[in-house]
Amino acid sequence: MRLISGRSHLNEEDAASEANDRDACRDDAKKSACHCDAAFLKLFNSSSDLITISSMKRGTLLDVNDSFLRVTGYHRDSVVGHTELELGLWPPARDWAKMAEALQRGPVLNVEVTFLTRAGERRTGLMSAQPIHLRDEQCLLTVVKDTTEGRQ
């Protein structure tokens, strides 16, 4: 590439080389993103912690992991598309309102929460929540470490 008068003038060979470099960078970025997505998916599915992803705009659950389903007793199709408040997961609702307010200031880390299973069993856990951007949507990633057994 030659610089003349502070402006770039590319010959055909330089232009082709630059286009190849851009394509290689784009391909590397896509591969890196795919690896990150694959790693996130493995972590999401294999974690013993309860993990949910919800829409910040609508408040509805977009996905939950198998640990969430196992501990709470819900089936995936009965939670996806519903809010956690509709399901009655977080008693009392005012505590969830405080949590939502705290999230406006940033991530919430290791806050003790009480949650209810589908059968109405009260369980205790440490919750962390972080806003994330997923598929062009602002979402909330919530992780709850169930501490119920250790408290009994």
C-alpha atoms as a PDB file:
ATOM      1  CA  MET A   1       0.000   0.000   0.000  1.00  0.00           C
ATOM      2  CA  ARG A   2       1.298   3.468  -0.863  1.00  0.00           C
ATOM      3  CA  LEU A   3       0.341   6.611   0.972  1.00  0.00           C
ATOM      4  CA  ILE A   4       0.142   9.777  -1.108  1.00  0.00           C
ATOM      5  CA  SER A   5      -0.988  13.092   0.358  1.00  0.00           C
ATOM      6  CA  GLY A   6      -2.171  11.359   3.516  1.00  0.00           C
ATOM      7  CA  ARG A   7      -4.661   9.238   1.553  1.00  0.00           C
ATOM      8  CA  SER A   8      -4.448   5.563   0.781  1.00  0.00           C
ATOM      9  CA  HIS A   9      -4.154   4.499  -2.843  1.00  0.00           C
ATOM     10  CA  LEU A  10      -4.398   0.789  -3.345  1.00  0.00           C
ATOM     11  CA  ASN A  11      -3.312  -1.062  -6.406  1.00  0.00           C
ATOM     12  CA  GLU A  12      -5.244  -4.234  -7.342  1.00  0.00           C
ATOM     13  CA  GLU A  13      -2.769  -6.496  -5.548  1.00  0.00           C
ATOM     14  CA  ASP A  14      -2.926  -4.424  -2.357  1.00  0.00           C
ATOM     15  CA  ALA A  15      -6.717  -4.313  -2.494  1.00  0.00           C
ATOM     16  CA  ALA A  16      -6.957  -8.087  -2.899  1.00  0.00           C
ATOM     17  CA  SER A  17      -4.506  -8.616  -0.031  1.00  0.00           C
ATOM     18  CA  GLU A  18      -6.438  -6.239   2.229  1.00  0.00           C
ATOM     19  CA  ALA A  19      -9.748  -7.911   1.343  1.00  0.00           C
ATOM     20  CA  ASN A  20      -8.240 -11.317   2.159  1.00  0.00           C
ATOM     21  CA  ASP A  21      -6.974  -9.982   5.484  1.00  0.00           C
ATOM     22  CA  ARG A  22     -10.443  -8.592   6.305  1.00  0.00           C
ATOM     23  CA  ASP A  23     -12.063 -11.904   5.357  1.00  0.00           C
ATOM     24  CA  ALA A  24      -9.545 -13.826   7.484  1.00  0.00           C
ATOM     25  CA  CYS A  25     -10.216 -11.541  10.466  1.00  0.00           C
ATOM     26  CA  ARG A  26     -13.967 -11.898   9.975  1.00  0.00           C
ATOM     27  CA  ASP A  27     -13.600 -15.695   9.750  1.00  0.00           C
ATOM     28  CA  ASP A  28     -11.434 -15.720  12.899  1.00  0.00           C
ATOM     29  CA  ALA A  29     -14.011 -13.603  14.733  1.00  0.00           C
ATOM     30  CA  LYS A  30     -16.812 -15.945  13.646  1.00  0.00           C
ATOM     31  CA  LYS A  31     -14.795 -18.984  14.752  1.00  0.00           C
ATOM     32  CA  SER A  32     -14.036 -17.340  18.083  1.00  0.00           C
ATOM     33  CA  ALA A  33     -17.698 -16.441  18.574  1.00  0.00           C
ATOM     34  CA  CYS A  34     -18.707 -20.004  17.693  1.00  0.00           C
ATOM     35  CA  HIS A  35     -16.205 -21.383  20.214  1.00  0.00           C
ATOM     36  CA  CYS A  36     -17.539 -19.002  22.867  1.00  0.00           C
ATOM     37  CA  ASP A  37     -21.123 -19.989  22.051  1.00  0.00           C
ATOM     38  CA  ALA A  38     -20.209 -23.681  22.241  1.00  0.00           C
ATOM     39  CA  ALA A  39     -18.395 -23.181  25.564  1.00  0.00           C
ATOM     40  CA  PHE A  40     -21.347 -21.218  26.975  1.00  0.00           C
ATOM     41  CA  LEU A  41     -23.773 -23.927  25.839  1.00  0.00           C
ATOM     42  CA  LYS A  42     -21.687 -26.661  27.505  1.00  0.00           C
ATOM     43  CA  LEU A  43     -21.470 -24.671  30.726  1.00  0.00           C
ATOM     44  CA  PHE A  44     -25.195 -23.862  30.632  1.00  0.00           C
ATOM     45  CA  ASN A  45     -26.178 -27.500  30.127  1.00  0.00           C
ATOM     46  CA  SER A  46     -23.667 -29.139  32.474  1.00  0.00           C
ATOM     47  CA  SER A  47     -23.853 -26.798  35.465  1.00  0.00           C
ATOM     48  CA  SER A  48     -25.321 -28.129  38.685  1.00  0.00           C
ATOM     49  CA  ASP A  49     -26.480 -24.571  39.414  1.00  0.00           C
ATOM     50  CA  LEU A  50     -29.920 -23.401  38.295  1.00  0.00           C
ATOM     51  CA  ILE A  51     -29.476 -21.120  35.266  1.00  0.00           C
ATOM     52  CA  THR A  52     -32.096 -19.022  33.516  1.00  0.00           C
ATOM     53  CA  ILE A  53     -31.977 -16.597  30.619  1.00  0.00           C
ATOM     54  CA  SER A  54     -34.814 -14.104  30.466  1.00  0.00           C
ATOM     55  CA  SER A  55     -35.752 -11.188  28.255  1.00  0.00           C
ATOM     56  CA  MET A  56     -35.126  -7.873  30.002  1.00  0.00           C
ATOM     57  CA  LYS A  57     -37.774  -6.199  27.834  1.00  0.00           C
ATOM     58  CA  ARG A  58     -40.584  -8.693  28.386  1.00  0.00           C
ATOM     59  CA  GLY A  59     -39.376 -10.411  31.556  1.00  0.00           C
ATOM     60  CA  THR A  60     -40.178 -13.822  30.088  1.00  0.00           C
ATOM     61  CA  LEU A  61     -37.932 -16.843  30.423  1.00  0.00           C
ATOM     62  CA  LEU A  62     -36.174 -17.656  27.162  1.00  0.00           C
ATOM     63  CA  ASP A  63     -34.373 -20.765  28.405  1.00  0.00           C
ATOM     64  CA  VAL A  64     -33.548 -22.690  31.572  1.00  0.00           C
ATOM     65  CA  ASN A  65     -31.003 -25.432  32.132  1.00  0.00           C
ATOM     66  CA  ASP A  66     -31.666 -29.026  33.154  1.00  0.00           C
ATOM     67  CA  SER A  67     -30.639 -28.357  36.775  1.00  0.00           C
ATOM     68  CA  PHE A  68     -33.338 -25.711  37.009  1.00  0.00           C
ATOM     69  CA  LEU A  69     -35.903 -28.225  35.730  1.00  0.00           C
ATOM     70  CA  ARG A  70     -34.687 -31.005  38.032  1.00  0.00           C
ATOM     71  CA  VAL A  71     -34.672 -28.894  41.214  1.00  0.00           C
ATOM     72  CA  THR A  72     -37.862 -26.924  40.594  1.00  0.00           C
ATOM     73  CA  GLY A  73     -39.899 -29.787  39.133  1.00  0.00           C
ATOM     74  CA  TYR A  74     -41.050 -27.765  36.124  1.00  0.00           C
ATOM     75  CA  HIS A  75     -41.028 -28.884  32.503  1.00  0.00           C
ATOM     76  CA  ARG A  76     -39.291 -26.644  29.983  1.00  0.00           C
ATOM     77  CA  ASP A  77     -42.470 -25.983  27.983  1.00  0.00           C
ATOM     78  CA  SER A  78     -44.297 -24.798  31.106  1.00  0.00           C
ATOM     79  CA  VAL A  79     -41.686 -22.140  31.985  1.00  0.00           C
ATOM     80  CA  VAL A  80     -40.350 -20.795  28.674  1.00  0.00           C
ATOM     81  CA  GLY A  81     -42.419 -17.787  27.660  1.00  0.00           C
ATOM     82  CA  HIS A  82     -43.589 -17.093  31.223  1.00  0.00           C
ATOM     83  CA  THR A  83     -42.159 -14.712  33.800  1.00  0.00           C
ATOM     84  CA  GLU A  84     -40.605 -15.935  37.027  1.00  0.00           C
ATOM     85  CA  LEU A  85     -43.244 -13.947  38.910  1.00  0.00           C
ATOM     86  CA  GLU A  86     -46.063 -15.649  36.957  1.00  0.00           C
ATOM     87  CA  LEU A  87     -44.604 -18.982  38.009  1.00  0.00           C
ATOM     88  CA  GLY A  88     -44.327 -17.845  41.626  1.00  0.00           C
ATOM     89  CA  LEU A  89     -40.635 -18.731  41.854  1.00  0.00           C
ATOM     90  CA  TRP A  90     -39.605 -15.781  44.033  1.00  0.00           C
ATOM     91  CA  PRO A  91     -41.657 -15.190  47.174  1.00  0.00           C
ATOM     92  CA  PRO A  92     -42.377 -12.540  48.201  1.00  0.00           C
ATOM     93  CA  ALA A  93     -42.679 -10.414  45.078  1.00  0.00           C
ATOM     94  CA  ARG A  94     -41.346  -7.343  46.886  1.00  0.00           C
ATOM     95  CA  ASP A  95     -37.962  -9.084  47.279  1.00  0.00           C
ATOM     96  CA  TRP A  96     -37.825  -9.584  43.523  1.00  0.00           C
ATOM     97  CA  ALA A  97     -38.677  -5.887  43.058  1.00  0.00           C
ATOM     98  CA  LYS A  98     -35.654  -5.010  45.241  1.00  0.00           C
ATOM     99  CA  MET A  99     -33.504  -7.325  43.146  1.00  0.00           C
ATOM    100  CA  ALA A 100     -34.708  -5.709  39.910  1.00  0.00           C
ATOM    101  CA  GLU A 101     -33.860  -2.304  41.362  1.00  0.00           C
ATOM    102  CA  ALA A 102     -30.358  -3.491  42.323  1.00  0.00           C
ATOM    103  CA  LEU A 103     -29.824  -4.807  38.782  1.00  0.00           C
ATOM    104  CA  GLN A 104     -30.311  -1.285  37.454  1.00  0.00           C
ATOM    105  CA  ARG A 105     -27.034  -0.406  39.197  1.00  0.00           C
ATOM    106  CA  GLY A 106     -25.111  -3.403  37.823  1.00  0.00           C
ATOM    107  CA  PRO A 107     -24.579  -7.138  38.309  1.00  0.00           C
ATOM    108  CA  VAL A 108     -25.924  -8.756  41.464  1.00  0.00           C
ATOM    109  CA  LEU A 109     -23.584 -11.276  43.083  1.00  0.00           C
ATOM    110  CA  ASN A 110     -24.253 -13.963  45.701  1.00  0.00           C
ATOM    111  CA  VAL A 111     -27.462 -12.607  47.169  1.00  0.00           C
ATOM    112  CA  GLU A 112     -29.323 -15.051  49.382  1.00  0.00           C
ATOM    113  CA  VAL A 113     -32.759 -15.798  47.961  1.00  0.00           C
ATOM    114  CA  THR A 114     -35.695 -18.044  48.729  1.00  0.00           C
ATOM    115  CA  PHE A 115     -37.383 -19.701  45.771  1.00  0.00           C
ATOM    116  CA  LEU A 116     -40.296 -22.081  45.403  1.00  0.00           C
ATOM    117  CA  THR A 117     -40.458 -25.340  43.492  1.00  0.00           C
ATOM    118  CA  ARG A 118     -43.484 -26.332  41.448  1.00  0.00           C
ATOM    119  CA  ALA A 119     -44.667 -28.406  44.445  1.00  0.00           C
ATOM    120  CA  GLY A 120     -44.412 -25.336  46.712  1.00  0.00           C
ATOM    121  CA  GLU A 121     -41.244 -26.409  48.555  1.00  0.00           C
ATOM    122  CA  ARG A 122     -39.225 -23.448  49.844  1.00  0.00           C
ATOM    123  CA  ARG A 123     -35.557 -23.640  48.918  1.00  0.00           C
ATOM    124  CA  THR A 124     -32.654 -21.317  49.613  1.00  0.00           C
ATOM    125  CA  GLY A 125     -29.874 -20.322  47.280  1.00  0.00           C
ATOM    126  CA  LEU A 126     -27.227 -17.789  46.393  1.00  0.00           C
ATOM    127  CA  MET A 127     -28.219 -15.854  43.305  1.00  0.00           C
ATOM    128  CA  SER A 128     -26.074 -13.923  40.886  1.00  0.00           C
ATOM    129  CA  ALA A 129     -27.572 -12.064  37.928  1.00  0.00           C
ATOM    130  CA  GLN A 130     -25.950 -10.227  35.059  1.00  0.00           C
ATOM    131  CA  PRO A 131     -27.388  -8.410  32.051  1.00  0.00           C
ATOM    132  CA  ILE A 132     -26.128  -9.927  28.768  1.00  0.00           C
ATOM    133  CA  HIS A 133     -26.714  -9.277  25.091  1.00  0.00           C
ATOM    134  CA  LEU A 134     -27.976 -12.355  23.291  1.00  0.00           C
ATOM    135  CA  ARG A 135     -29.218 -12.566  19.703  1.00  0.00           C
ATOM    136  CA  ASP A 136     -29.859  -8.831  19.401  1.00  0.00           C
ATOM    137  CA  GLU A 137     -31.774  -8.718  22.685  1.00  0.00           C
ATOM    138  CA  GLN A 138     -30.916  -7.476  26.172  1.00  0.00           C
ATOM    139  CA  CYS A 139     -31.287 -10.463  28.485  1.00  0.00           C
ATOM    140  CA  LEU A 140     -30.707 -11.353  32.095  1.00  0.00           C
ATOM    141  CA  LEU A 141     -28.510 -14.331  32.933  1.00  0.00           C
ATOM    142  CA  THR A 142     -29.396 -15.634  36.401  1.00  0.00           C
ATOM    143  CA  VAL A 143     -27.485 -18.339  38.270  1.00  0.00           C
ATOM    144  CA  VAL A 144     -28.709 -19.778  41.564  1.00  0.00           C
ATOM    145  CA  LYS A 145     -26.582 -22.105  43.686  1.00  0.00           C
ATOM    146  CA  ASP A 146     -29.045 -24.174  45.701  1.00  0.00           C
ATOM    147  CA  THR A 147     -27.833 -24.151  49.323  1.00  0.00           C
ATOM    148  CA  THR A 148     -30.905 -25.797  50.846  1.00  0.00           C
ATOM    149  CA  GLU A 149     -29.255 -29.128  51.721  1.00  0.00           C
ATOM    150  CA  GLY A 150     -26.369 -27.433  53.536  1.00  0.00           C
ATOM    151  CA  ARG A 151     -28.775 -25.448  55.732  1.00  0.00           C
ATOM    152  CA  GLN A 152     -30.688 -28.446  57.081  1.00  0.00           C
END
